[in-house]
C-alpha atoms as a PDB file:
ATOM      1  CA  MET A   1      -1.660   5.313 -36.655  1.00  0.00           C
ATOM      2  CA  GLY A   2      -2.674   4.974 -39.683  1.00  0.00           C
ATOM      3  CA  ARG A   3      -4.336   7.817 -42.002  1.00  0.00           C
ATOM      4  CA  GLN A   4      -5.272  10.889 -40.172  1.00  0.00           C
ATOM      5  CA  LEU A   5      -8.225  13.464 -40.703  1.00  0.00           C
ATOM      6  CA  GLY A   6      -8.119  16.623 -38.107  1.00  0.00           C
ATOM      7  CA  GLY A   7      -5.342  17.867 -36.088  1.00  0.00           C
ATOM      8  CA  PRO A   8      -4.464  19.991 -32.722  1.00  0.00           C
ATOM      9  CA  ALA A   9      -6.109  23.231 -34.664  1.00  0.00           C
ATOM     10  CA  SER A  10      -9.599  20.985 -35.233  1.00  0.00           C
ATOM     11  CA  ASP A  11     -12.455  20.072 -32.646  1.00  0.00           C
ATOM     12  CA  PHE A  12     -11.603  16.066 -33.265  1.00  0.00           C
ATOM     13  CA  VAL A  13      -9.066  13.752 -34.917  1.00  0.00           C
ATOM     14  CA  ILE A  14     -10.114  11.158 -37.001  1.00  0.00           C
ATOM     15  CA  VAL A  15      -7.855   8.206 -37.312  1.00  0.00           C
ATOM     16  CA  GLU A  16      -7.703   4.817 -39.018  1.00  0.00           C
ATOM     17  CA  TRP A  17      -6.227   1.636 -37.195  1.00  0.00           C
ATOM     18  CA  ALA A  18      -5.881  -1.755 -37.575  1.00  0.00           C
ATOM     19  CA  ASP A  19      -5.134  -4.700 -35.099  1.00  0.00           C
ATOM     20  CA  SER A  20      -4.191  -8.353 -36.289  1.00  0.00           C
ATOM     21  CA  GLY A  21      -5.813 -10.225 -33.423  1.00  0.00           C
ATOM     22  CA  GLU A  22      -2.260 -11.326 -32.892  1.00  0.00           C
ATOM     23  CA  SER A  23      -1.603  -9.320 -29.542  1.00  0.00           C
ATOM     24  CA  GLN A  24      -1.242 -11.236 -26.136  1.00  0.00           C
ATOM     25  CA  TRP A  25      -2.905  -8.628 -24.557  1.00  0.00           C
ATOM     26  CA  GLU A  26      -6.673  -8.528 -24.254  1.00  0.00           C
ATOM     27  CA  TRP A  27      -7.053  -5.037 -24.637  1.00  0.00           C
ATOM     28  CA  ILE A  28      -5.779  -2.696 -27.418  1.00  0.00           C
ATOM     29  CA  ALA A  29      -5.956   0.647 -24.447  1.00  0.00           C
ATOM     30  CA  PRO A  30      -6.141  -0.518 -20.845  1.00  0.00           C
ATOM     31  CA  LEU A  31      -9.270   0.371 -18.577  1.00  0.00           C
ATOM     32  CA  HIS A  32      -8.815   4.059 -18.135  1.00  0.00           C
ATOM     33  CA  VAL A  33     -10.965   7.570 -18.030  1.00  0.00           C
ATOM     34  CA  HIS A  34     -10.719  10.788 -19.967  1.00  0.00           C
ATOM     35  CA  HIS A  35     -11.902  13.417 -17.544  1.00  0.00           C
ATOM     36  CA  ALA A  36     -12.554  16.043 -19.965  1.00  0.00           C
ATOM     37  CA  ASP A  37     -13.296  14.193 -23.036  1.00  0.00           C
ATOM     38  CA  ASP A  38     -15.659  11.914 -25.425  1.00  0.00           C
ATOM     39  CA  GLU A  39     -13.904   9.306 -27.717  1.00  0.00           C
ATOM     40  CA  ALA A  40     -15.257   6.680 -30.206  1.00  0.00           C
ATOM     41  CA  TRP A  41     -14.940   4.333 -31.981  1.00  0.00           C
ATOM     42  CA  TYR A  42     -16.685   2.958 -35.801  1.00  0.00           C
ATOM     43  CA  VAL A  43     -15.786  -0.522 -36.453  1.00  0.00           C
ATOM     44  CA  LEU A  44     -15.119  -1.258 -40.298  1.00  0.00           C
ATOM     45  CA  GLU A  45     -13.959  -4.624 -39.989  1.00  0.00           C
ATOM     46  CA  GLY A  46     -13.714  -7.747 -37.578  1.00  0.00           C
ATOM     47  CA  VAL A  47     -15.111  -7.228 -33.954  1.00  0.00           C
ATOM     48  CA  LEU A  48     -13.978  -4.738 -31.309  1.00  0.00           C
ATOM     49  CA  ARG A  49     -15.074  -5.265 -27.460  1.00  0.00           C
ATOM     50  CA  PHE A  50     -15.405  -2.419 -25.331  1.00  0.00           C
ATOM     51  CA  ARG A  51     -15.515  -2.077 -21.613  1.00  0.00           C
ATOM     52  CA  ILE A  52     -17.914   1.146 -21.317  1.00  0.00           C
ATOM     53  CA  GLY A  53     -18.609   1.690 -17.252  1.00  0.00           C
ATOM     54  CA  ASP A  54     -19.435  -1.674 -16.131  1.00  0.00           C
ATOM     55  CA  GLN A  55     -20.689  -3.030 -18.990  1.00  0.00           C
ATOM     56  CA  ILE A  56     -19.136  -5.529 -21.414  1.00  0.00           C
ATOM     57  CA  ARG A  57     -20.101  -5.164 -25.342  1.00  0.00           C
ATOM     58  CA  GLU A  58     -18.525  -6.112 -28.850  1.00  0.00           C
ATOM     59  CA  ALA A  59     -19.162  -3.825 -31.930  1.00  0.00           C
ATOM     60  CA  GLY A  60     -18.592  -5.536 -35.536  1.00  0.00           C
ATOM     61  CA  PRO A  61     -18.659  -3.817 -39.166  1.00  0.00           C
ATOM     62  CA  HIS A  62     -20.798  -0.635 -39.212  1.00  0.00           C
ATOM     63  CA  SER A  63     -21.482  -0.456 -34.721  1.00  0.00           C
ATOM     64  CA  ALA A  64     -19.831   2.370 -33.387  1.00  0.00           C
ATOM     65  CA  VAL A  65     -19.666   3.118 -29.967  1.00  0.00           C
ATOM     66  CA  LEU A  66     -19.396   6.390 -27.362  1.00  0.00           C
ATOM     67  CA  ALA A  67     -17.177   6.828 -24.246  1.00  0.00           C
ATOM     68  CA  ALA A  68     -18.635   9.869 -22.701  1.00  0.00           C
ATOM     69  CA  LYS A  69     -16.058  12.205 -20.527  1.00  0.00           C
ATOM     70  CA  GLY A  70     -15.656  11.019 -17.323  1.00  0.00           C
ATOM     71  CA  THR A  71     -16.590   6.828 -18.598  1.00  0.00           C
ATOM     72  CA  PRO A  72     -13.912   4.438 -17.610  1.00  0.00           C
ATOM     73  CA  HIS A  73     -12.982   2.402 -20.660  1.00  0.00           C
ATOM     74  CA  ALA A  74     -11.405   0.245 -22.527  1.00  0.00           C
ATOM     75  CA  TYR A  75     -11.108  -1.473 -25.775  1.00  0.00           C
ATOM     76  CA  GLY A  76      -9.572  -4.483 -27.976  1.00  0.00           C
ATOM     77  CA  ASN A  77      -9.822  -7.072 -30.525  1.00  0.00           C
ATOM     78  CA  ALA A  78     -12.647  -9.892 -29.722  1.00  0.00           C
ATOM     79  CA  ARG A  79     -11.261 -12.004 -32.125  1.00  0.00           C
ATOM     80  CA  ARG A  80      -8.042 -13.710 -31.661  1.00  0.00           C
ATOM     81  CA  GLY A  81      -5.989 -14.357 -34.588  1.00  0.00           C
ATOM     82  CA  GLN A  82      -8.673 -11.901 -36.792  1.00  0.00           C
ATOM     83  CA  ARG A  83      -8.254  -8.695 -38.239  1.00  0.00           C
ATOM     84  CA  ALA A  84      -9.852  -5.397 -36.964  1.00  0.00           C
ATOM     85  CA  ARG A  85     -10.082  -2.134 -38.673  1.00  0.00           C
ATOM     86  CA  TYR A  86     -11.559   0.917 -37.087  1.00  0.00           C
ATOM     87  CA  LEU A  87     -11.919   4.585 -37.217  1.00  0.00           C
ATOM     88  CA  LEU A  88     -10.890   6.428 -33.706  1.00  0.00           C
ATOM     89  CA  VAL A  89     -12.649   9.497 -33.307  1.00  0.00           C
ATOM     90  CA  MET A  90     -11.209  11.472 -30.537  1.00  0.00           C
ATOM     91  CA  THR A  91     -10.397  15.153 -29.370  1.00  0.00           C
ATOM     92  CA  PRO A  92      -6.750  16.453 -30.192  1.00  0.00           C
ATOM     93  CA  LYS A  93      -5.837  16.208 -26.105  1.00  0.00           C
ATOM     94  CA  ILE A  94      -6.525  12.645 -26.810  1.00  0.00           C
ATOM     95  CA  HIS A  95      -4.708  12.434 -29.976  1.00  0.00           C
ATOM     96  CA  ALA A  96      -2.122  13.806 -28.240  1.00  0.00           C
ATOM     97  CA  LEU A  97      -1.957  11.054 -25.121  1.00  0.00           C
ATOM     98  CA  VAL A  98      -2.432   8.042 -28.011  1.00  0.00           C
ATOM     99  CA  LYS A  99       1.018  10.013 -29.522  1.00  0.00           C
ATOM    100  CA  ALA A 100       2.914  10.138 -26.494  1.00  0.00           C
ATOM    101  CA  LEU A 101       2.122   6.995 -25.361  1.00  0.00           C
ATOM    102  CA  HIS A 102       3.654   5.201 -28.655  1.00  0.00           C
ATOM    103  CA  GLU A 103       6.662   7.433 -28.116  1.00  0.00           C
ATOM    104  CA  PRO A 104      10.189   4.851 -28.307  1.00  0.00           C
ATOM    105  CA  GLY A 105      11.285   4.341 -24.240  1.00  0.00           C
ATOM    106  CA  VAL A 106       7.809   5.391 -22.848  1.00  0.00           C
ATOM    107  CA  GLY A 107       7.592   4.376 -19.145  1.00  0.00           C
ATOM    108  CA  ASP A 108       5.482   6.064 -16.981  1.00  0.00           C
ATOM    109  CA  TYR A 109       2.334   5.297 -18.911  1.00  0.00           C
ATOM    110  CA  ALA A 110       0.277   6.884 -15.952  1.00  0.00           C
ATOM    111  CA  ALA A 111       2.219  10.178 -15.917  1.00  0.00           C
ATOM    112  CA  ILE A 112       1.466  10.759 -19.501  1.00  0.00           C
ATOM    113  CA  PHE A 113      -2.506   9.978 -18.735  1.00  0.00           C
ATOM    114  CA  ARG A 114      -2.684  12.888 -15.472  1.00  0.00           C
ATOM    115  CA  ALA A 115      -0.826  14.956 -18.395  1.00  0.00           C
ATOM    116  CA  HIS A 116      -3.826  14.809 -20.825  1.00  0.00           C
ATOM    117  CA  ASP A 117      -6.084  15.016 -17.773  1.00  0.00           C
ATOM    118  CA  SER A 118      -6.954  11.309 -18.185  1.00  0.00           C
ATOM    119  CA  GLU A 119      -6.227   8.842 -15.713  1.00  0.00           C
ATOM    120  CA  LEU A 120      -4.849   5.028 -16.163  1.00  0.00           C
ATOM    121  CA  LEU A 121      -7.078   2.560 -14.425  1.00  0.00           C
ATOM    122  CA  SER A 122      -6.029  -0.844 -14.452  1.00  0.00           C
END
């Protein structure tokens, strides 16, 4: 994760993230759902691919995408080998989930999602 605005005592957290486009994985975050929290992205550079519900779409620079609470979603870099840079806008609960998922030695991803009122779907 990059620079951050907001935190646990805030209503939202904004984090700047980047993806090099070199990953072997199609999705940065696989299909999942947040039962009580919205999540949004604002693309600064490159192109992100989103699955929001049953729809697949791409978003380039200066585009915003919202995954409303209860909506299954996934996102990834749409252009292999090309950098994507974006703002991730989330609640403190989702931010805590993301931090927990990136802790060293994490194993049971499904349990981490459940602990944060979310569900891993794939």
